[in-house]
């Protein structure tokens, strides 16, 4: 793939979509991972003076926060850090007091939904669009939180599979430390994307691009795609 051509297309597309919406620029969450680093670099090229990166730790590792700042400094981003630990704890405590329920995944998914709330607040303040960081591998399998990291205005790398995102990251000069990290959604300590998915990104990307992969992974991938369908559609409306 010609990654300079892809860079130009995405940058042009971002400018086109933001302008069409009557907005001024982009705001995005910076996690310390490769996807958000790539989107930040692209948004910065599209809107050098109107891209805001936001680091939003919620029980996050110190390394992830440090890595996010490494990306921000490497790219020269306008960046702020807003710690949401207290807000997260207060929200869960208030809910559990009235409607107790033991569900670790439900609690974990509150984290990206809190981040989404902050990003939309900042977007409204600055007349920016919330710019998503999901790649095609995540989108087709629903590997995102509905109305969390999936709650965005734009998905600039949504047509690139994960392995292509790595190549684009190298082209854009993203630090090697970020590219070498084990992919994780960071919902809990030690989480790994591939461990949770049950197959590797290599297998998934091969399936997306060619329609086939290792037999052991293929059934799991097809099941994940089927389960995710509702995440990629608007809520159904009852016809009358």
C-alpha atoms as a PDB file:
ATOM      1  CA  UNK A   1       0.000   0.000   0.000  1.00  0.00           C
ATOM      2  CA  UNK A   2       1.077   3.577  -0.674  1.00  0.00           C
ATOM      3  CA  UNK A   3       0.908   5.030   2.838  1.00  0.00           C
ATOM      4  CA  UNK A   4       1.733   8.558   1.711  1.00  0.00           C
ATOM      5  CA  UNK A   5      -1.283   8.414  -0.596  1.00  0.00           C
ATOM      6  CA  UNK A   6      -3.437   7.008   2.223  1.00  0.00           C
ATOM      7  CA  UNK A   7      -2.230   9.763   4.542  1.00  0.00           C
ATOM      8  CA  UNK A   8      -3.202  12.418   2.012  1.00  0.00           C
ATOM      9  CA  UNK A   9      -6.632  10.882   1.442  1.00  0.00           C
ATOM     10  CA  UNK A  10      -7.448  10.706   5.152  1.00  0.00           C
ATOM     11  CA  UNK A  11      -6.195  14.235   5.823  1.00  0.00           C
ATOM     12  CA  UNK A  12      -8.290  15.575   2.931  1.00  0.00           C
ATOM     13  CA  UNK A  13     -11.315  13.569   4.140  1.00  0.00           C
ATOM     14  CA  UNK A  14     -10.974  14.949   7.670  1.00  0.00           C
ATOM     15  CA  UNK A  15     -10.878  18.525   6.396  1.00  0.00           C
ATOM     16  CA  UNK A  16     -13.856  17.869   4.142  1.00  0.00           C
ATOM     17  CA  UNK A  17     -16.010  16.288   6.883  1.00  0.00           C
ATOM     18  CA  UNK A  18     -15.152  18.826   9.574  1.00  0.00           C
ATOM     19  CA  UNK A  19     -15.796  21.754   7.232  1.00  0.00           C
ATOM     20  CA  UNK A  20     -19.083  20.249   6.017  1.00  0.00           C
ATOM     21  CA  UNK A  21     -20.227  19.994   9.638  1.00  0.00           C
ATOM     22  CA  UNK A  22     -19.454  23.666  10.232  1.00  0.00           C
ATOM     23  CA  UNK A  23     -16.842  22.687  12.815  1.00  0.00           C
ATOM     24  CA  UNK A  24     -13.302  23.981  13.334  1.00  0.00           C
ATOM     25  CA  UNK A  25     -11.195  20.916  14.127  1.00  0.00           C
ATOM     26  CA  UNK A  26     -10.821  17.578  15.895  1.00  0.00           C
ATOM     27  CA  UNK A  27     -10.758  16.354  19.477  1.00  0.00           C
ATOM     28  CA  UNK A  28      -9.678  12.817  20.304  1.00  0.00           C
ATOM     29  CA  UNK A  29      -8.728  10.618  23.205  1.00  0.00           C
ATOM     30  CA  UNK A  30      -5.042   9.724  23.406  1.00  0.00           C
ATOM     31  CA  UNK A  31      -4.564   6.332  25.064  1.00  0.00           C
ATOM     32  CA  UNK A  32      -0.884   5.611  24.563  1.00  0.00           C
ATOM     33  CA  UNK A  33      -1.700   2.991  21.923  1.00  0.00           C
ATOM     34  CA  UNK A  34      -0.908   2.905  18.229  1.00  0.00           C
ATOM     35  CA  UNK A  35      -4.425   3.599  16.902  1.00  0.00           C
ATOM     36  CA  UNK A  36      -4.929   6.867  18.763  1.00  0.00           C
ATOM     37  CA  UNK A  37      -1.343   7.892  17.951  1.00  0.00           C
ATOM     38  CA  UNK A  38      -1.992   7.421  14.228  1.00  0.00           C
ATOM     39  CA  UNK A  39      -5.290   9.318  14.335  1.00  0.00           C
ATOM     40  CA  UNK A  40      -3.651  12.129  16.299  1.00  0.00           C
ATOM     41  CA  UNK A  41      -0.915  12.439  13.670  1.00  0.00           C
ATOM     42  CA  UNK A  42      -3.472  12.548  10.859  1.00  0.00           C
ATOM     43  CA  UNK A  43      -5.711  15.064  12.633  1.00  0.00           C
ATOM     44  CA  UNK A  44      -2.688  17.241  13.374  1.00  0.00           C
ATOM     45  CA  UNK A  45      -1.835  17.304   9.676  1.00  0.00           C
ATOM     46  CA  UNK A  46      -5.411  18.213   8.803  1.00  0.00           C
ATOM     47  CA  UNK A  47      -5.813  20.883  11.509  1.00  0.00           C
ATOM     48  CA  UNK A  48      -2.414  21.961  12.888  1.00  0.00           C
ATOM     49  CA  UNK A  49      -3.960  24.652  15.100  1.00  0.00           C
ATOM     50  CA  UNK A  50      -7.256  22.956  15.877  1.00  0.00           C
ATOM     51  CA  UNK A  51      -6.492  19.434  17.019  1.00  0.00           C
ATOM     52  CA  UNK A  52      -6.905  18.707  20.721  1.00  0.00           C
ATOM     53  CA  UNK A  53      -5.634  15.427  22.181  1.00  0.00           C
ATOM     54  CA  UNK A  54      -7.014  14.471  25.582  1.00  0.00           C
ATOM     55  CA  UNK A  55      -5.452  11.916  27.919  1.00  0.00           C
ATOM     56  CA  UNK A  56      -8.246  10.507  30.079  1.00  0.00           C
ATOM     57  CA  UNK A  57      -6.907   8.027  32.636  1.00  0.00           C
ATOM     58  CA  UNK A  58      -9.499   5.955  34.498  1.00  0.00           C
ATOM     59  CA  UNK A  59      -7.664   3.475  36.703  1.00  0.00           C
ATOM     60  CA  UNK A  60      -5.101   3.465  33.900  1.00  0.00           C
ATOM     61  CA  UNK A  61      -1.510   2.291  34.168  1.00  0.00           C
ATOM     62  CA  UNK A  62       1.198   4.898  34.642  1.00  0.00           C
ATOM     63  CA  UNK A  63       2.927   3.498  31.549  1.00  0.00           C
ATOM     64  CA  UNK A  64      -0.104   4.178  29.338  1.00  0.00           C
ATOM     65  CA  UNK A  65      -0.255   7.785  30.523  1.00  0.00           C
ATOM     66  CA  UNK A  66       3.491   8.209  29.960  1.00  0.00           C
ATOM     67  CA  UNK A  67       3.161   6.708  26.483  1.00  0.00           C
ATOM     68  CA  UNK A  68       0.293   9.054  25.637  1.00  0.00           C
ATOM     69  CA  UNK A  69       2.449  12.015  26.626  1.00  0.00           C
ATOM     70  CA  UNK A  70       5.319  10.585  24.556  1.00  0.00           C
ATOM     71  CA  UNK A  71       3.036  10.625  21.506  1.00  0.00           C
ATOM     72  CA  UNK A  72       1.811  14.142  22.267  1.00  0.00           C
ATOM     73  CA  UNK A  73       5.344  15.505  22.617  1.00  0.00           C
ATOM     74  CA  UNK A  74       6.660  13.637  19.572  1.00  0.00           C
ATOM     75  CA  UNK A  75       3.872  15.010  17.374  1.00  0.00           C
ATOM     76  CA  UNK A  76       3.786  18.470  18.965  1.00  0.00           C
ATOM     77  CA  UNK A  77       0.126  18.080  19.879  1.00  0.00           C
ATOM     78  CA  UNK A  78      -1.963  20.451  21.911  1.00  0.00           C
ATOM     79  CA  UNK A  79      -2.762  18.051  24.755  1.00  0.00           C
ATOM     80  CA  UNK A  80      -4.415  18.019  28.172  1.00  0.00           C
ATOM     81  CA  UNK A  81      -4.718  15.302  30.814  1.00  0.00           C
ATOM     82  CA  UNK A  82      -7.954  14.934  32.781  1.00  0.00           C
ATOM     83  CA  UNK A  83      -8.001  12.234  35.450  1.00  0.00           C
ATOM     84  CA  UNK A  84     -11.410  10.570  35.749  1.00  0.00           C
ATOM     85  CA  UNK A  85     -10.691   8.216  38.658  1.00  0.00           C
ATOM     86  CA  UNK A  86     -12.813  10.167  41.141  1.00  0.00           C
ATOM     87  CA  UNK A  87     -15.705  10.613  38.706  1.00  0.00           C
ATOM     88  CA  UNK A  88     -15.660   6.897  37.859  1.00  0.00           C
ATOM     89  CA  UNK A  89     -15.643   5.811  41.498  1.00  0.00           C
ATOM     90  CA  UNK A  90     -18.379   8.272  42.443  1.00  0.00           C
ATOM     91  CA  UNK A  91     -20.612   7.161  39.572  1.00  0.00           C
ATOM     92  CA  UNK A  92     -20.261   3.456  40.356  1.00  0.00           C
ATOM     93  CA  UNK A  93     -20.810   4.077  44.070  1.00  0.00           C
ATOM     94  CA  UNK A  94     -24.003   6.040  43.376  1.00  0.00           C
ATOM     95  CA  UNK A  95     -25.378   3.316  41.094  1.00  0.00           C
ATOM     96  CA  UNK A  96     -24.381   0.414  43.335  1.00  0.00           C
ATOM     97  CA  UNK A  97     -26.031   2.096  46.310  1.00  0.00           C
ATOM     98  CA  UNK A  98     -29.434   2.001  44.614  1.00  0.00           C
ATOM     99  CA  UNK A  99     -29.108  -0.887  42.144  1.00  0.00           C
ATOM    100  CA  UNK A 100     -26.325  -3.253  43.227  1.00  0.00           C
ATOM    101  CA  UNK A 101     -25.166  -5.766  40.631  1.00  0.00           C
ATOM    102  CA  UNK A 102     -21.911  -7.683  40.364  1.00  0.00           C
ATOM    103  CA  UNK A 103     -20.794  -7.293  36.751  1.00  0.00           C
ATOM    104  CA  UNK A 104     -17.152  -6.458  36.143  1.00  0.00           C
ATOM    105  CA  UNK A 105     -17.604  -5.950  32.389  1.00  0.00           C
ATOM    106  CA  UNK A 106     -20.466  -3.493  32.904  1.00  0.00           C
ATOM    107  CA  UNK A 107     -18.275  -1.512  35.295  1.00  0.00           C
ATOM    108  CA  UNK A 108     -15.303  -1.640  32.920  1.00  0.00           C
ATOM    109  CA  UNK A 109     -17.408  -0.315  30.037  1.00  0.00           C
ATOM    110  CA  UNK A 110     -18.278   2.777  32.072  1.00  0.00           C
ATOM    111  CA  UNK A 111     -14.671   3.928  31.560  1.00  0.00           C
ATOM    112  CA  UNK A 112     -14.851   4.551  27.787  1.00  0.00           C
ATOM    113  CA  UNK A 113     -18.345   6.003  28.200  1.00  0.00           C
ATOM    114  CA  UNK A 114     -17.020   8.536  30.697  1.00  0.00           C
ATOM    115  CA  UNK A 115     -14.250   9.430  28.270  1.00  0.00           C
ATOM    116  CA  UNK A 116     -16.810   9.891  25.499  1.00  0.00           C
ATOM    117  CA  UNK A 117     -18.780  12.292  27.702  1.00  0.00           C
ATOM    118  CA  UNK A 118     -15.701  14.439  28.306  1.00  0.00           C
ATOM    119  CA  UNK A 119     -14.725  14.435  24.627  1.00  0.00           C
ATOM    120  CA  UNK A 120     -18.188  15.609  23.573  1.00  0.00           C
ATOM    121  CA  UNK A 121     -18.116  18.319  26.228  1.00  0.00           C
ATOM    122  CA  UNK A 122     -14.814  19.602  24.851  1.00  0.00           C
ATOM    123  CA  UNK A 123     -16.036  19.225  21.269  1.00  0.00           C
ATOM    124  CA  UNK A 124     -19.054  21.406  22.036  1.00  0.00           C
ATOM    125  CA  UNK A 125     -16.872  23.981  23.780  1.00  0.00           C
ATOM    126  CA  UNK A 126     -14.427  24.314  20.893  1.00  0.00           C
ATOM    127  CA  UNK A 127     -16.728  23.487  17.955  1.00  0.00           C
ATOM    128  CA  UNK A 128     -14.696  20.379  17.144  1.00  0.00           C
ATOM    129  CA  UNK A 129     -15.782  16.922  15.997  1.00  0.00           C
ATOM    130  CA  UNK A 130     -15.051  13.893  18.168  1.00  0.00           C
ATOM    131  CA  UNK A 131     -12.620  11.849  16.126  1.00  0.00           C
ATOM    132  CA  UNK A 132     -12.622   8.092  16.670  1.00  0.00           C
ATOM    133  CA  UNK A 133      -9.610   5.805  16.781  1.00  0.00           C
ATOM    134  CA  UNK A 134     -11.130   2.423  15.881  1.00  0.00           C
ATOM    135  CA  UNK A 135      -9.616   0.416  13.032  1.00  0.00           C
ATOM    136  CA  UNK A 136     -11.485  -1.930  10.690  1.00  0.00           C
ATOM    137  CA  UNK A 137     -10.438  -5.026  12.649  1.00  0.00           C
ATOM    138  CA  UNK A 138     -12.126  -3.626  15.753  1.00  0.00           C
ATOM    139  CA  UNK A 139     -15.177  -2.301  13.949  1.00  0.00           C
ATOM    140  CA  UNK A 140     -16.129  -5.502  12.132  1.00  0.00           C
ATOM    141  CA  UNK A 141     -15.802  -7.597  15.302  1.00  0.00           C
ATOM    142  CA  UNK A 142     -17.456  -5.031  17.566  1.00  0.00           C
ATOM    143  CA  UNK A 143     -14.314  -4.770  19.670  1.00  0.00           C
ATOM    144  CA  UNK A 144     -15.286  -1.421  21.133  1.00  0.00           C
ATOM    145  CA  UNK A 145     -17.714  -0.147  23.740  1.00  0.00           C
ATOM    146  CA  UNK A 146     -21.069   0.933  22.382  1.00  0.00           C
ATOM    147  CA  UNK A 147     -21.507   4.653  23.119  1.00  0.00           C
ATOM    148  CA  UNK A 148     -17.980   4.639  24.548  1.00  0.00           C
ATOM    149  CA  UNK A 149     -15.018   4.589  22.173  1.00  0.00           C
ATOM    150  CA  UNK A 150     -17.655   3.776  19.549  1.00  0.00           C
ATOM    151  CA  UNK A 151     -19.446   7.060  20.275  1.00  0.00           C
ATOM    152  CA  UNK A 152     -17.748   9.403  17.810  1.00  0.00           C
ATOM    153  CA  UNK A 153     -18.421  11.683  14.843  1.00  0.00           C
ATOM    154  CA  UNK A 154     -15.707  10.371  12.510  1.00  0.00           C
ATOM    155  CA  UNK A 155     -13.677   7.165  12.067  1.00  0.00           C
ATOM    156  CA  UNK A 156     -10.667   8.147   9.925  1.00  0.00           C
ATOM    157  CA  UNK A 157      -8.859   4.782  10.130  1.00  0.00           C
ATOM    158  CA  UNK A 158     -11.997   2.638   9.996  1.00  0.00           C
ATOM    159  CA  UNK A 159     -11.040   1.199   6.590  1.00  0.00           C
ATOM    160  CA  UNK A 160      -7.572   0.074   7.725  1.00  0.00           C
ATOM    161  CA  UNK A 161      -7.055  -3.287   9.420  1.00  0.00           C
ATOM    162  CA  UNK A 162      -4.752  -3.413  12.435  1.00  0.00           C
ATOM    163  CA  UNK A 163      -1.696  -4.627  10.541  1.00  0.00           C
ATOM    164  CA  UNK A 164      -2.107  -1.740   8.084  1.00  0.00           C
ATOM    165  CA  UNK A 165      -2.369   0.708  10.996  1.00  0.00           C
ATOM    166  CA  UNK A 166       1.061  -0.465  12.156  1.00  0.00           C
ATOM    167  CA  UNK A 167       2.504   0.262   8.713  1.00  0.00           C
ATOM    168  CA  UNK A 168       0.896   3.699   8.639  1.00  0.00           C
ATOM    169  CA  UNK A 169       2.260   4.379  12.135  1.00  0.00           C
ATOM    170  CA  UNK A 170       5.796   3.722  10.902  1.00  0.00           C
ATOM    171  CA  UNK A 171       5.209   6.004   7.929  1.00  0.00           C
ATOM    172  CA  UNK A 172       3.972   8.797  10.224  1.00  0.00           C
ATOM    173  CA  UNK A 173       6.944   8.541  12.592  1.00  0.00           C
ATOM    174  CA  UNK A 174       5.090   7.183  15.610  1.00  0.00           C
ATOM    175  CA  UNK A 175       7.645   6.153  18.286  1.00  0.00           C
ATOM    176  CA  UNK A 176       8.783   2.507  18.112  1.00  0.00           C
ATOM    177  CA  UNK A 177       7.802   2.027  21.760  1.00  0.00           C
ATOM    178  CA  UNK A 178       4.162   2.708  20.872  1.00  0.00           C
ATOM    179  CA  UNK A 179       4.199   0.428  17.815  1.00  0.00           C
ATOM    180  CA  UNK A 180       5.739  -2.423  19.833  1.00  0.00           C
ATOM    181  CA  UNK A 181       3.133  -2.341  22.633  1.00  0.00           C
ATOM    182  CA  UNK A 182       0.774  -5.276  23.130  1.00  0.00           C
ATOM    183  CA  UNK A 183      -2.648  -4.063  21.885  1.00  0.00           C
ATOM    184  CA  UNK A 184      -5.101  -3.573  24.749  1.00  0.00           C
ATOM    185  CA  UNK A 185      -8.354  -1.738  25.379  1.00  0.00           C
ATOM    186  CA  UNK A 186      -7.090  -1.008  28.897  1.00  0.00           C
ATOM    187  CA  UNK A 187     -10.381  -1.895  30.572  1.00  0.00           C
ATOM    188  CA  UNK A 188      -8.587  -3.815  33.337  1.00  0.00           C
ATOM    189  CA  UNK A 189      -4.968  -4.611  34.287  1.00  0.00           C
ATOM    190  CA  UNK A 190      -3.263  -7.146  32.051  1.00  0.00           C
ATOM    191  CA  UNK A 191      -5.969  -7.112  29.390  1.00  0.00           C
ATOM    192  CA  UNK A 192      -4.884  -8.102  25.881  1.00  0.00           C
ATOM    193  CA  UNK A 193      -6.964  -7.600  22.732  1.00  0.00           C
ATOM    194  CA  UNK A 194      -5.929 -10.901  21.175  1.00  0.00           C
ATOM    195  CA  UNK A 195      -6.473 -12.851  24.380  1.00  0.00           C
ATOM    196  CA  UNK A 196      -9.971 -11.446  24.745  1.00  0.00           C
ATOM    197  CA  UNK A 197     -10.842 -11.891  21.065  1.00  0.00           C
ATOM    198  CA  UNK A 198      -9.649 -15.489  21.009  1.00  0.00           C
ATOM    199  CA  UNK A 199      -7.645 -15.045  17.800  1.00  0.00           C
ATOM    200  CA  UNK A 200      -4.755 -12.901  16.598  1.00  0.00           C
ATOM    201  CA  UNK A 201      -4.919  -9.708  14.590  1.00  0.00           C
ATOM    202  CA  UNK A 202      -2.956 -11.507  11.876  1.00  0.00           C
ATOM    203  CA  UNK A 203      -5.710 -14.117  11.601  1.00  0.00           C
ATOM    204  CA  UNK A 204      -8.471 -11.524  11.763  1.00  0.00           C
ATOM    205  CA  UNK A 205      -6.891  -9.217   9.192  1.00  0.00           C
ATOM    206  CA  UNK A 206      -6.229 -12.129   6.859  1.00  0.00           C
ATOM    207  CA  UNK A 207      -9.903 -13.081   7.110  1.00  0.00           C
ATOM    208  CA  UNK A 208     -11.110  -9.512   6.487  1.00  0.00           C
ATOM    209  CA  UNK A 209      -8.842  -9.034   3.474  1.00  0.00           C
ATOM    210  CA  UNK A 210      -9.118 -12.480   1.870  1.00  0.00           C
ATOM    211  CA  UNK A 211     -12.220 -14.131   3.345  1.00  0.00           C
ATOM    212  CA  UNK A 212     -10.312 -17.012   4.893  1.00  0.00           C
ATOM    213  CA  UNK A 213      -7.734 -17.788   7.586  1.00  0.00           C
ATOM    214  CA  UNK A 214      -6.722 -20.614   9.918  1.00  0.00           C
ATOM    215  CA  UNK A 215      -9.669 -22.979  10.356  1.00  0.00           C
ATOM    216  CA  UNK A 216      -9.490 -22.807  14.158  1.00  0.00           C
ATOM    217  CA  UNK A 217      -9.880 -19.022  14.127  1.00  0.00           C
ATOM    218  CA  UNK A 218     -12.362 -18.691  11.280  1.00  0.00           C
ATOM    219  CA  UNK A 219     -15.427 -19.872  13.220  1.00  0.00           C
ATOM    220  CA  UNK A 220     -14.583 -17.572  16.133  1.00  0.00           C
ATOM    221  CA  UNK A 221     -14.156 -14.604  13.798  1.00  0.00           C
ATOM    222  CA  UNK A 222     -17.454 -15.261  12.039  1.00  0.00           C
ATOM    223  CA  UNK A 223     -19.228 -15.542  15.396  1.00  0.00           C
ATOM    224  CA  UNK A 224     -17.691 -12.262  16.588  1.00  0.00           C
ATOM    225  CA  UNK A 225     -18.794 -10.490  13.402  1.00  0.00           C
ATOM    226  CA  UNK A 226     -22.352 -11.805  13.804  1.00  0.00           C
ATOM    227  CA  UNK A 227     -22.506 -10.717  17.460  1.00  0.00           C
ATOM    228  CA  UNK A 228     -21.232  -7.250  16.562  1.00  0.00           C
ATOM    229  CA  UNK A 229     -23.785  -6.436  13.890  1.00  0.00           C
ATOM    230  CA  UNK A 230     -26.013  -4.398  16.203  1.00  0.00           C
ATOM    231  CA  UNK A 231     -23.077  -2.177  17.167  1.00  0.00           C
ATOM    232  CA  UNK A 232     -22.694  -0.992  13.581  1.00  0.00           C
ATOM    233  CA  UNK A 233     -26.321  -0.042  13.022  1.00  0.00           C
ATOM    234  CA  UNK A 234     -28.568   2.738  14.241  1.00  0.00           C
ATOM    235  CA  UNK A 235     -31.052   1.613  16.922  1.00  0.00           C
ATOM    236  CA  UNK A 236     -34.055  -0.013  15.231  1.00  0.00           C
ATOM    237  CA  UNK A 237     -37.282   1.980  15.210  1.00  0.00           C
ATOM    238  CA  UNK A 238     -40.592   0.167  15.526  1.00  0.00           C
ATOM    239  CA  UNK A 239     -42.546   0.645  12.268  1.00  0.00           C
ATOM    240  CA  UNK A 240     -46.151   1.765  12.721  1.00  0.00           C
END
